[in-house]
Amino acid sequence: MPPLNSLKAFEASGRHLNFRLAADELGVTPGAVAQHVRALEVLLKIKLFERHARGLALTDEGRRYLPPIRRAFDLITEATDNLAPRDTVVTISSTPSFATRWLVPRLGTFTEDHPDIRVRLDASSALANFQTDGVDIAIRQGKPPFGPGLVAEPLFASELIAICHPDLMTGPHPISSPEDLRYHTLLEDTHGQWPLFLEKALAGTRVSDMKTTNFSQTSMAIDAAIARQGIALTNRTFVAADLEAKRLCQPFAFSVTTEEGYYVVAPREPRTPGLVAVIRKWLAEQT
């Protein structure tokens, strides 16, 4: 194994083709670099450079030797970097609608309060398995238990309210009670909660008796309501800002609270228990 200093001197000289520039990079004198290179040539019994008045030129042997030596130093650098402390990253999983309507608007306060923690948001309808997807903590709607080895803590209940654009309050068929829903389009999402709502509000009324438009995500149904396309049914928490800004209104006070609330879910033994504890505390503070 050639001396490491000699290999460093050769690699730097091979890149710069100049002993002085190599010496500046390595923090030694040009004479020391030249001496190390000569010692390497003696050890290998091979001439690595042609010395010229204006600099250096690699010999054929030098050109063959330089690339693998350079790769070796790159590997050492990469291995050392991998040992260095990394930014702290926490991965949160939630449905796209929850992320868009509730989580994303609040993340700014988290990054301000925790500048040392980077958040990766996995907005997907697929359930996190916490084993192979790198998810640290998830927000799920439903009823616990959510699976073996998982701990679920309640975030908030699911209170469903009907919402629409304020213009529908004064249109050809103004809305002031659940009975007025018959004259408007119901905007449905994949949760399919309109039958439950109608059963409580208008006994005997079926969704099939109403005009409907279906969306694959709750956030899309809310956007359609903002665009005056009908009446959406959603969690009050998701539209609190829109109600306050008058982009939406709640045409009547009737609401339904379902058993499927929102929960913070994480493994009983998380990979990063400190990070999970920080996220749990922050989520609780938001509600």
C-alpha atoms as a PDB file:
ATOM      1  CA  MET A   1       0.000   0.000   0.000  1.00  0.00           C
ATOM      2  CA  PRO A   2       1.642   3.275  -1.089  1.00  0.00           C
ATOM      3  CA  PRO A   3       1.834   6.042   1.533  1.00  0.00           C
ATOM      4  CA  LEU A   4      -1.382   8.074   1.657  1.00  0.00           C
ATOM      5  CA  ASN A   5       0.478  11.411   1.430  1.00  0.00           C
ATOM      6  CA  SER A   6       2.183  10.287  -1.756  1.00  0.00           C
ATOM      7  CA  LEU A   7      -1.157   9.234  -3.268  1.00  0.00           C
ATOM      8  CA  LYS A   8      -2.730  12.587  -2.283  1.00  0.00           C
ATOM      9  CA  ALA A   9       0.164  14.450  -3.867  1.00  0.00           C
ATOM     10  CA  PHE A  10      -0.131  12.410  -7.073  1.00  0.00           C
ATOM     11  CA  GLU A  11      -3.912  12.826  -7.310  1.00  0.00           C
ATOM     12  CA  ALA A  12      -3.800  16.588  -6.784  1.00  0.00           C
ATOM     13  CA  SER A  13      -0.880  17.001  -9.189  1.00  0.00           C
ATOM     14  CA  GLY A  14      -2.689  14.884 -11.759  1.00  0.00           C
ATOM     15  CA  ARG A  15      -5.751  17.133 -11.594  1.00  0.00           C
ATOM     16  CA  HIS A  16      -3.831  20.407 -11.740  1.00  0.00           C
ATOM     17  CA  LEU A  17      -0.824  19.207 -13.784  1.00  0.00           C
ATOM     18  CA  ASN A  18       1.146  21.601 -11.649  1.00  0.00           C
ATOM     19  CA  PHE A  19       3.059  20.996  -8.407  1.00  0.00           C
ATOM     20  CA  ARG A  20       2.478  24.550  -7.159  1.00  0.00           C
ATOM     21  CA  LEU A  21      -1.287  24.421  -7.548  1.00  0.00           C
ATOM     22  CA  ALA A  22      -1.377  20.973  -5.944  1.00  0.00           C
ATOM     23  CA  ALA A  23       0.708  22.317  -3.059  1.00  0.00           C
ATOM     24  CA  ASP A  24      -1.708  25.241  -2.560  1.00  0.00           C
ATOM     25  CA  GLU A  25      -4.617  22.800  -2.347  1.00  0.00           C
ATOM     26  CA  LEU A  26      -2.858  20.465   0.089  1.00  0.00           C
ATOM     27  CA  GLY A  27      -1.373  23.229   2.238  1.00  0.00           C
ATOM     28  CA  VAL A  28       2.267  22.201   1.759  1.00  0.00           C
ATOM     29  CA  THR A  29       5.204  23.440  -0.298  1.00  0.00           C
ATOM     30  CA  PRO A  30       5.672  22.588  -3.983  1.00  0.00           C
ATOM     31  CA  GLY A  31       8.922  20.892  -3.031  1.00  0.00           C
ATOM     32  CA  ALA A  32       7.070  18.578  -0.625  1.00  0.00           C
ATOM     33  CA  VAL A  33       4.558  17.638  -3.331  1.00  0.00           C
ATOM     34  CA  ALA A  34       7.342  16.914  -5.829  1.00  0.00           C
ATOM     35  CA  GLN A  35       9.160  14.820  -3.222  1.00  0.00           C
ATOM     36  CA  HIS A  36       6.051  12.751  -2.457  1.00  0.00           C
ATOM     37  CA  VAL A  37       5.435  12.138  -6.162  1.00  0.00           C
ATOM     38  CA  ARG A  38       9.048  11.081  -6.713  1.00  0.00           C
ATOM     39  CA  ALA A  39       8.823   8.699  -3.732  1.00  0.00           C
ATOM     40  CA  LEU A  40       5.696   7.150  -5.241  1.00  0.00           C
ATOM     41  CA  GLU A  41       7.392   6.707  -8.606  1.00  0.00           C
ATOM     42  CA  VAL A  42      10.344   5.029  -6.902  1.00  0.00           C
ATOM     43  CA  LEU A  43       8.037   2.715  -4.962  1.00  0.00           C
ATOM     44  CA  LEU A  44       6.014   1.776  -8.056  1.00  0.00           C
ATOM     45  CA  LYS A  45       9.091   1.746 -10.309  1.00  0.00           C
ATOM     46  CA  ILE A  46       7.026   3.683 -12.821  1.00  0.00           C
ATOM     47  CA  LYS A  47       7.312   7.241 -14.145  1.00  0.00           C
ATOM     48  CA  LEU A  48       3.975   8.985 -13.591  1.00  0.00           C
ATOM     49  CA  PHE A  49       4.704  12.493 -14.942  1.00  0.00           C
ATOM     50  CA  GLU A  50       6.739  14.126 -17.647  1.00  0.00           C
ATOM     51  CA  ARG A  51       8.287  17.265 -16.139  1.00  0.00           C
ATOM     52  CA  HIS A  52       8.230  20.319 -18.401  1.00  0.00           C
ATOM     53  CA  ALA A  53       9.181  23.943 -17.816  1.00  0.00           C
ATOM     54  CA  ARG A  54       5.528  25.054 -17.973  1.00  0.00           C
ATOM     55  CA  GLY A  55       4.053  22.218 -15.948  1.00  0.00           C
ATOM     56  CA  LEU A  56       3.446  18.508 -15.931  1.00  0.00           C
ATOM     57  CA  ALA A  57       2.100  15.896 -18.331  1.00  0.00           C
ATOM     58  CA  LEU A  58       0.869  12.475 -17.299  1.00  0.00           C
ATOM     59  CA  THR A  59       2.615   9.477 -18.785  1.00  0.00           C
ATOM     60  CA  ASP A  60       0.531   6.601 -20.152  1.00  0.00           C
ATOM     61  CA  GLU A  61       0.971   4.811 -16.825  1.00  0.00           C
ATOM     62  CA  GLY A  62      -0.003   7.976 -14.943  1.00  0.00           C
ATOM     63  CA  ARG A  63      -3.179   8.370 -16.996  1.00  0.00           C
ATOM     64  CA  ARG A  64      -4.187   4.776 -16.171  1.00  0.00           C
ATOM     65  CA  TYR A  65      -3.368   5.170 -12.483  1.00  0.00           C
ATOM     66  CA  LEU A  66      -5.076   8.507 -11.829  1.00  0.00           C
ATOM     67  CA  PRO A  67      -8.815   7.615 -12.327  1.00  0.00           C
ATOM     68  CA  PRO A  68      -8.956   4.700  -9.845  1.00  0.00           C
ATOM     69  CA  ILE A  69      -6.957   6.698  -7.279  1.00  0.00           C
ATOM     70  CA  ARG A  70      -9.400   9.582  -7.703  1.00  0.00           C
ATOM     71  CA  ARG A  71     -12.373   7.207  -7.251  1.00  0.00           C
ATOM     72  CA  ALA A  72     -10.759   5.822  -4.118  1.00  0.00           C
ATOM     73  CA  PHE A  73     -10.498   9.295  -2.594  1.00  0.00           C
ATOM     74  CA  ASP A  74     -14.111   9.994  -3.609  1.00  0.00           C
ATOM     75  CA  LEU A  75     -15.199   6.838  -1.790  1.00  0.00           C
ATOM     76  CA  ILE A  76     -13.315   7.912   1.328  1.00  0.00           C
ATOM     77  CA  THR A  77     -14.958  11.345   1.171  1.00  0.00           C
ATOM     78  CA  GLU A  78     -18.425   9.838   0.682  1.00  0.00           C
ATOM     79  CA  ALA A  79     -17.930   7.384   3.555  1.00  0.00           C
ATOM     80  CA  THR A  80     -16.838  10.216   5.834  1.00  0.00           C
ATOM     81  CA  ASP A  81     -19.779  12.406   4.810  1.00  0.00           C
ATOM     82  CA  ASN A  82     -22.164   9.562   5.601  1.00  0.00           C
ATOM     83  CA  LEU A  83     -20.901   9.558   9.178  1.00  0.00           C
ATOM     84  CA  ALA A  84     -21.529  13.284   9.607  1.00  0.00           C
ATOM     85  CA  PRO A  85     -24.726  14.406  11.380  1.00  0.00           C
ATOM     86  CA  ARG A  86     -27.621  14.852   8.983  1.00  0.00           C
ATOM     87  CA  ASP A  87     -30.533  17.243   9.076  1.00  0.00           C
ATOM     88  CA  THR A  88     -33.305  15.883  11.279  1.00  0.00           C
ATOM     89  CA  VAL A  89     -36.166  14.811   9.018  1.00  0.00           C
ATOM     90  CA  VAL A  90     -39.617  13.666  10.114  1.00  0.00           C
ATOM     91  CA  THR A  91     -42.110  12.147   7.669  1.00  0.00           C
ATOM     92  CA  ILE A  92     -45.822  12.783   8.228  1.00  0.00           C
ATOM     93  CA  SER A  93     -48.436  10.823   6.286  1.00  0.00           C
ATOM     94  CA  SER A  94     -51.984  12.036   5.678  1.00  0.00           C
ATOM     95  CA  THR A  95     -54.668  12.008   3.025  1.00  0.00           C
ATOM     96  CA  PRO A  96     -54.350  14.701   0.339  1.00  0.00           C
ATOM     97  CA  SER A  97     -57.494  16.502   1.550  1.00  0.00           C
ATOM     98  CA  PHE A  98     -56.347  16.612   5.185  1.00  0.00           C
ATOM     99  CA  ALA A  99     -52.942  17.854   4.056  1.00  0.00           C
ATOM    100  CA  THR A 100     -54.400  20.565   1.821  1.00  0.00           C
ATOM    101  CA  ARG A 101     -57.216  21.780   4.060  1.00  0.00           C
ATOM    102  CA  TRP A 102     -55.685  21.468   7.533  1.00  0.00           C
ATOM    103  CA  LEU A 103     -52.034  20.451   7.798  1.00  0.00           C
ATOM    104  CA  VAL A 104     -50.223  22.515   5.149  1.00  0.00           C
ATOM    105  CA  PRO A 105     -51.630  25.889   6.287  1.00  0.00           C
ATOM    106  CA  ARG A 106     -50.234  25.193   9.774  1.00  0.00           C
ATOM    107  CA  LEU A 107     -46.805  23.811   8.848  1.00  0.00           C
ATOM    108  CA  GLY A 108     -45.284  27.268   8.637  1.00  0.00           C
ATOM    109  CA  THR A 109     -45.632  27.721  12.382  1.00  0.00           C
ATOM    110  CA  PHE A 110     -43.931  24.371  12.980  1.00  0.00           C
ATOM    111  CA  THR A 111     -40.894  25.230  10.855  1.00  0.00           C
ATOM    112  CA  GLU A 112     -40.609  28.580  12.626  1.00  0.00           C
ATOM    113  CA  ASP A 113     -40.737  26.939  16.058  1.00  0.00           C
ATOM    114  CA  HIS A 114     -38.483  24.005  15.073  1.00  0.00           C
ATOM    115  CA  PRO A 115     -35.926  25.254  12.520  1.00  0.00           C
ATOM    116  CA  ASP A 116     -33.737  22.205  13.197  1.00  0.00           C
ATOM    117  CA  ILE A 117     -36.420  19.759  11.982  1.00  0.00           C
ATOM    118  CA  ARG A 118     -37.275  19.279   8.316  1.00  0.00           C
ATOM    119  CA  VAL A 119     -40.759  17.978   7.538  1.00  0.00           C
ATOM    120  CA  ARG A 120     -41.480  15.593   4.690  1.00  0.00           C
ATOM    121  CA  LEU A 121     -45.199  15.383   3.981  1.00  0.00           C
ATOM    122  CA  ASP A 122     -46.458  12.195   2.327  1.00  0.00           C
ATOM    123  CA  ALA A 123     -49.937  13.134   1.088  1.00  0.00           C
ATOM    124  CA  SER A 124     -51.391   9.861  -0.104  1.00  0.00           C
ATOM    125  CA  SER A 125     -54.646   7.960   0.169  1.00  0.00           C
ATOM    126  CA  ALA A 126     -52.659   4.783   0.869  1.00  0.00           C
ATOM    127  CA  LEU A 127     -52.303   3.859   4.534  1.00  0.00           C
ATOM    128  CA  ALA A 128     -48.810   4.155   5.977  1.00  0.00           C
ATOM    129  CA  ASN A 129     -47.296   0.867   7.127  1.00  0.00           C
ATOM    130  CA  PHE A 130     -44.408   2.497   9.095  1.00  0.00           C
ATOM    131  CA  GLN A 131     -42.128  -0.387   8.105  1.00  0.00           C
ATOM    132  CA  THR A 132     -40.976   0.190   4.553  1.00  0.00           C
ATOM    133  CA  ASP A 133     -42.287   3.650   3.647  1.00  0.00           C
ATOM    134  CA  GLY A 134     -40.204   5.696   6.095  1.00  0.00           C
ATOM    135  CA  VAL A 135     -43.299   7.282   7.681  1.00  0.00           C
ATOM    136  CA  ASP A 136     -42.790   8.381  11.304  1.00  0.00           C
ATOM    137  CA  ILE A 137     -46.308   9.536  12.164  1.00  0.00           C
ATOM    138  CA  ALA A 138     -49.666   9.513  10.361  1.00  0.00           C
ATOM    139  CA  ILE A 139     -53.051  11.220  10.543  1.00  0.00           C
ATOM    140  CA  ARG A 140     -55.904   8.803   9.969  1.00  0.00           C
ATOM    141  CA  GLN A 141     -59.656   9.101   9.933  1.00  0.00           C
ATOM    142  CA  GLY A 142     -61.598   6.224  11.401  1.00  0.00           C
ATOM    143  CA  LYS A 143     -61.978   4.292  14.627  1.00  0.00           C
ATOM    144  CA  PRO A 144     -59.077   2.724  16.514  1.00  0.00           C
ATOM    145  CA  PRO A 145     -57.431   0.309  16.715  1.00  0.00           C
ATOM    146  CA  PHE A 146     -55.679   0.910  13.406  1.00  0.00           C
ATOM    147  CA  GLY A 147     -53.384  -2.088  13.578  1.00  0.00           C
ATOM    148  CA  PRO A 148     -51.141  -4.147  15.838  1.00  0.00           C
ATOM    149  CA  GLY A 149     -48.273  -2.271  17.408  1.00  0.00           C
ATOM    150  CA  LEU A 150     -49.804   1.144  16.654  1.00  0.00           C
ATOM    151  CA  VAL A 151     -50.799   3.829  19.156  1.00  0.00           C
ATOM    152  CA  ALA A 152     -53.656   6.196  18.221  1.00  0.00           C
ATOM    153  CA  GLU A 153     -54.389   9.481  19.984  1.00  0.00           C
ATOM    154  CA  PRO A 154     -57.492  11.547  19.100  1.00  0.00           C
ATOM    155  CA  LEU A 155     -56.862  14.772  17.203  1.00  0.00           C
ATOM    156  CA  PHE A 156     -60.400  16.056  16.701  1.00  0.00           C
ATOM    157  CA  ALA A 157     -63.894  14.716  16.110  1.00  0.00           C
ATOM    158  CA  SER A 158     -65.483  14.725  12.687  1.00  0.00           C
ATOM    159  CA  GLU A 159     -68.350  17.238  12.771  1.00  0.00           C
ATOM    160  CA  LEU A 160     -69.964  17.334   9.343  1.00  0.00           C
ATOM    161  CA  ILE A 161     -71.643  20.509   8.141  1.00  0.00           C
ATOM    162  CA  ALA A 162     -73.214  21.536   4.843  1.00  0.00           C
ATOM    163  CA  ILE A 163     -71.369  24.416   3.172  1.00  0.00           C
ATOM    164  CA  CYS A 164     -71.922  26.441   0.012  1.00  0.00           C
ATOM    165  CA  HIS A 165     -71.057  29.743  -1.611  1.00  0.00           C
ATOM    166  CA  PRO A 166     -72.902  32.709   0.002  1.00  0.00           C
ATOM    167  CA  ASP A 167     -74.613  33.447  -3.342  1.00  0.00           C
ATOM    168  CA  LEU A 168     -76.705  30.284  -2.963  1.00  0.00           C
ATOM    169  CA  MET A 169     -78.292  31.797   0.129  1.00  0.00           C
ATOM    170  CA  THR A 170     -80.083  34.375  -1.982  1.00  0.00           C
ATOM    171  CA  GLY A 171     -80.482  32.653  -5.366  1.00  0.00           C
ATOM    172  CA  PRO A 172     -83.631  31.328  -7.056  1.00  0.00           C
ATOM    173  CA  HIS A 173     -83.909  28.634  -4.362  1.00  0.00           C
ATOM    174  CA  PRO A 174     -82.391  30.168  -1.221  1.00  0.00           C
ATOM    175  CA  ILE A 175     -81.132  27.733   1.407  1.00  0.00           C
ATOM    176  CA  SER A 176     -82.118  28.193   5.008  1.00  0.00           C
ATOM    177  CA  SER A 177     -82.945  24.661   6.160  1.00  0.00           C
ATOM    178  CA  PRO A 178     -82.090  21.041   5.231  1.00  0.00           C
ATOM    179  CA  GLU A 179     -85.372  20.823   3.264  1.00  0.00           C
ATOM    180  CA  ASP A 180     -83.929  23.280   0.728  1.00  0.00           C
ATOM    181  CA  LEU A 181     -81.196  20.802  -0.241  1.00  0.00           C
ATOM    182  CA  ARG A 182     -83.707  19.205  -2.633  1.00  0.00           C
ATOM    183  CA  TYR A 183     -83.284  22.130  -5.034  1.00  0.00           C
ATOM    184  CA  HIS A 184     -79.484  21.983  -5.223  1.00  0.00           C
ATOM    185  CA  THR A 185     -76.661  19.685  -6.312  1.00  0.00           C
ATOM    186  CA  LEU A 186     -75.019  17.668  -3.568  1.00  0.00           C
ATOM    187  CA  LEU A 187     -71.238  17.506  -3.926  1.00  0.00           C
ATOM    188  CA  GLU A 188     -70.094  14.057  -2.802  1.00  0.00           C
ATOM    189  CA  ASP A 189     -66.623  12.733  -1.962  1.00  0.00           C
ATOM    190  CA  THR A 190     -65.346   9.190  -1.428  1.00  0.00           C
ATOM    191  CA  HIS A 191     -66.288   9.206   2.284  1.00  0.00           C
ATOM    192  CA  GLY A 192     -69.957   8.963   1.247  1.00  0.00           C
ATOM    193  CA  GLN A 193     -71.390  10.767   4.292  1.00  0.00           C
ATOM    194  CA  TRP A 194     -74.379  12.392   2.592  1.00  0.00           C
ATOM    195  CA  PRO A 195     -76.696   9.392   3.277  1.00  0.00           C
ATOM    196  CA  LEU A 196     -75.951   9.644   7.017  1.00  0.00           C
ATOM    197  CA  PHE A 197     -76.488  13.412   6.973  1.00  0.00           C
ATOM    198  CA  LEU A 198     -79.783  13.163   5.083  1.00  0.00           C
ATOM    199  CA  GLU A 199     -81.018  10.369   7.332  1.00  0.00           C
ATOM    200  CA  LYS A 200     -80.511  12.607  10.369  1.00  0.00           C
ATOM    201  CA  ALA A 201     -81.721  15.831   8.749  1.00  0.00           C
ATOM    202  CA  LEU A 202     -84.455  14.624   6.392  1.00  0.00           C
ATOM    203  CA  ALA A 203     -85.783  11.221   7.382  1.00  0.00           C
ATOM    204  CA  GLY A 204     -86.830   9.193   4.362  1.00  0.00           C
ATOM    205  CA  THR A 205     -84.757  11.204   1.879  1.00  0.00           C
ATOM    206  CA  ARG A 206     -82.221   9.257  -0.151  1.00  0.00           C
ATOM    207  CA  VAL A 207     -79.162  10.520  -2.024  1.00  0.00           C
ATOM    208  CA  SER A 208     -80.489   8.753  -5.131  1.00  0.00           C
ATOM    209  CA  ASP A 209     -83.443  11.165  -5.039  1.00  0.00           C
ATOM    210  CA  MET A 210     -81.068  14.145  -5.276  1.00  0.00           C
ATOM    211  CA  LYS A 211     -78.873  15.589  -7.996  1.00  0.00           C
ATOM    212  CA  THR A 212     -75.240  14.800  -7.187  1.00  0.00           C
ATOM    213  CA  THR A 213     -71.709  15.359  -8.449  1.00  0.00           C
ATOM    214  CA  ASN A 214     -68.967  13.049  -7.232  1.00  0.00           C
ATOM    215  CA  PHE A 215     -65.339  13.844  -6.435  1.00  0.00           C
ATOM    216  CA  SER A 216     -62.452  11.598  -5.449  1.00  0.00           C
ATOM    217  CA  GLN A 217     -61.253  13.954  -2.697  1.00  0.00           C
ATOM    218  CA  THR A 218     -62.935  16.114  -0.075  1.00  0.00           C
ATOM    219  CA  SER A 219     -60.809  19.123  -1.012  1.00  0.00           C
ATOM    220  CA  MET A 220     -62.161  18.955  -4.572  1.00  0.00           C
ATOM    221  CA  ALA A 221     -65.751  18.979  -3.317  1.00  0.00           C
ATOM    222  CA  ILE A 222     -64.951  22.023  -1.165  1.00  0.00           C
ATOM    223  CA  ASP A 223     -63.386  23.802  -4.152  1.00  0.00           C
ATOM    224  CA  ALA A 224     -66.523  23.019  -6.175  1.00  0.00           C
ATOM    225  CA  ALA A 225     -68.657  24.577  -3.429  1.00  0.00           C
ATOM    226  CA  ILE A 226     -66.505  27.715  -3.522  1.00  0.00           C
ATOM    227  CA  ALA A 227     -67.119  27.761  -7.279  1.00  0.00           C
ATOM    228  CA  ARG A 228     -70.913  27.840  -6.683  1.00  0.00           C
ATOM    229  CA  GLN A 229     -71.442  24.320  -8.049  1.00  0.00           C
ATOM    230  CA  GLY A 230     -73.543  23.001  -5.160  1.00  0.00           C
ATOM    231  CA  ILE A 231     -73.565  21.998  -1.497  1.00  0.00           C
ATOM    232  CA  ALA A 232     -70.624  20.134  -0.023  1.00  0.00           C
ATOM    233  CA  LEU A 233     -70.511  18.128   3.170  1.00  0.00           C
ATOM    234  CA  THR A 234     -67.280  18.430   5.103  1.00  0.00           C
ATOM    235  CA  ASN A 235     -65.581  18.599   8.455  1.00  0.00           C
ATOM    236  CA  ARG A 236     -66.054  22.021  10.020  1.00  0.00           C
ATOM    237  CA  THR A 237     -62.345  22.228  10.833  1.00  0.00           C
ATOM    238  CA  PHE A 238     -61.436  21.943   7.146  1.00  0.00           C
ATOM    239  CA  VAL A 239     -63.366  25.068   6.154  1.00  0.00           C
ATOM    240  CA  ALA A 240     -62.995  27.282   9.242  1.00  0.00           C
ATOM    241  CA  ALA A 241     -60.796  29.772   7.368  1.00  0.00           C
ATOM    242  CA  ASP A 242     -63.144  29.817   4.355  1.00  0.00           C
ATOM    243  CA  LEU A 243     -66.155  30.475   6.567  1.00  0.00           C
ATOM    244  CA  GLU A 244     -64.359  33.301   8.314  1.00  0.00           C
ATOM    245  CA  ALA A 245     -63.279  34.824   5.001  1.00  0.00           C
ATOM    246  CA  LYS A 246     -66.852  34.537   3.616  1.00  0.00           C
ATOM    247  CA  ARG A 247     -65.719  32.336   0.730  1.00  0.00           C
ATOM    248  CA  LEU A 248     -68.163  29.782   2.082  1.00  0.00           C
ATOM    249  CA  CYS A 249     -71.110  29.842   4.420  1.00  0.00           C
ATOM    250  CA  GLN A 250     -73.041  27.332   6.504  1.00  0.00           C
ATOM    251  CA  PRO A 251     -76.621  27.822   5.298  1.00  0.00           C
ATOM    252  CA  PHE A 252     -78.211  26.131   8.312  1.00  0.00           C
ATOM    253  CA  ALA A 253     -76.996  25.130  11.761  1.00  0.00           C
ATOM    254  CA  PHE A 254     -77.725  21.396  11.534  1.00  0.00           C
ATOM    255  CA  SER A 255     -74.613  19.199  11.778  1.00  0.00           C
ATOM    256  CA  VAL A 256     -73.729  15.530  12.343  1.00  0.00           C
ATOM    257  CA  THR A 257     -70.837  14.195  14.400  1.00  0.00           C
ATOM    258  CA  THR A 258     -69.617  10.837  13.129  1.00  0.00           C
ATOM    259  CA  GLU A 259     -67.768   8.100  14.995  1.00  0.00           C
ATOM    260  CA  GLU A 260     -64.868   8.335  12.540  1.00  0.00           C
ATOM    261  CA  GLY A 261     -62.747  11.102  13.995  1.00  0.00           C
ATOM    262  CA  TYR A 262     -59.163  12.043  13.178  1.00  0.00           C
ATOM    263  CA  TYR A 263     -56.303  10.374  15.043  1.00  0.00           C
ATOM    264  CA  VAL A 264     -52.550  10.750  15.329  1.00  0.00           C
ATOM    265  CA  VAL A 265     -51.110   7.285  14.703  1.00  0.00           C
ATOM    266  CA  ALA A 266     -47.554   6.061  15.243  1.00  0.00           C
ATOM    267  CA  PRO A 267     -45.791   2.791  16.060  1.00  0.00           C
ATOM    268  CA  ARG A 268     -45.655   1.854  19.725  1.00  0.00           C
ATOM    269  CA  GLU A 269     -41.869   1.802  19.323  1.00  0.00           C
ATOM    270  CA  PRO A 270     -41.089   4.477  16.696  1.00  0.00           C
ATOM    271  CA  ARG A 271     -37.720   4.753  14.966  1.00  0.00           C
ATOM    272  CA  THR A 272     -37.324   8.322  16.222  1.00  0.00           C
ATOM    273  CA  PRO A 273     -39.279   8.578  19.482  1.00  0.00           C
ATOM    274  CA  GLY A 274     -38.059  12.121  20.177  1.00  0.00           C
ATOM    275  CA  LEU A 275     -39.309  13.436  16.826  1.00  0.00           C
ATOM    276  CA  VAL A 276     -42.640  11.641  17.157  1.00  0.00           C
ATOM    277  CA  ALA A 277     -43.123  13.196  20.598  1.00  0.00           C
ATOM    278  CA  VAL A 278     -42.426  16.679  19.187  1.00  0.00           C
ATOM    279  CA  ILE A 279     -44.938  16.197  16.334  1.00  0.00           C
ATOM    280  CA  ARG A 280     -47.597  14.773  18.678  1.00  0.00           C
ATOM    281  CA  LYS A 281     -47.263  17.769  20.994  1.00  0.00           C
ATOM    282  CA  TRP A 282     -47.400  20.251  18.120  1.00  0.00           C
ATOM    283  CA  LEU A 283     -50.479  18.617  16.559  1.00  0.00           C
ATOM    284  CA  ALA A 284     -52.262  18.684  19.918  1.00  0.00           C
ATOM    285  CA  GLU A 285     -51.477  22.388  20.271  1.00  0.00           C
ATOM    286  CA  GLN A 286     -53.051  23.086  16.871  1.00  0.00           C
ATOM    287  CA  THR A 287     -56.417  21.761  18.035  1.00  0.00           C
END
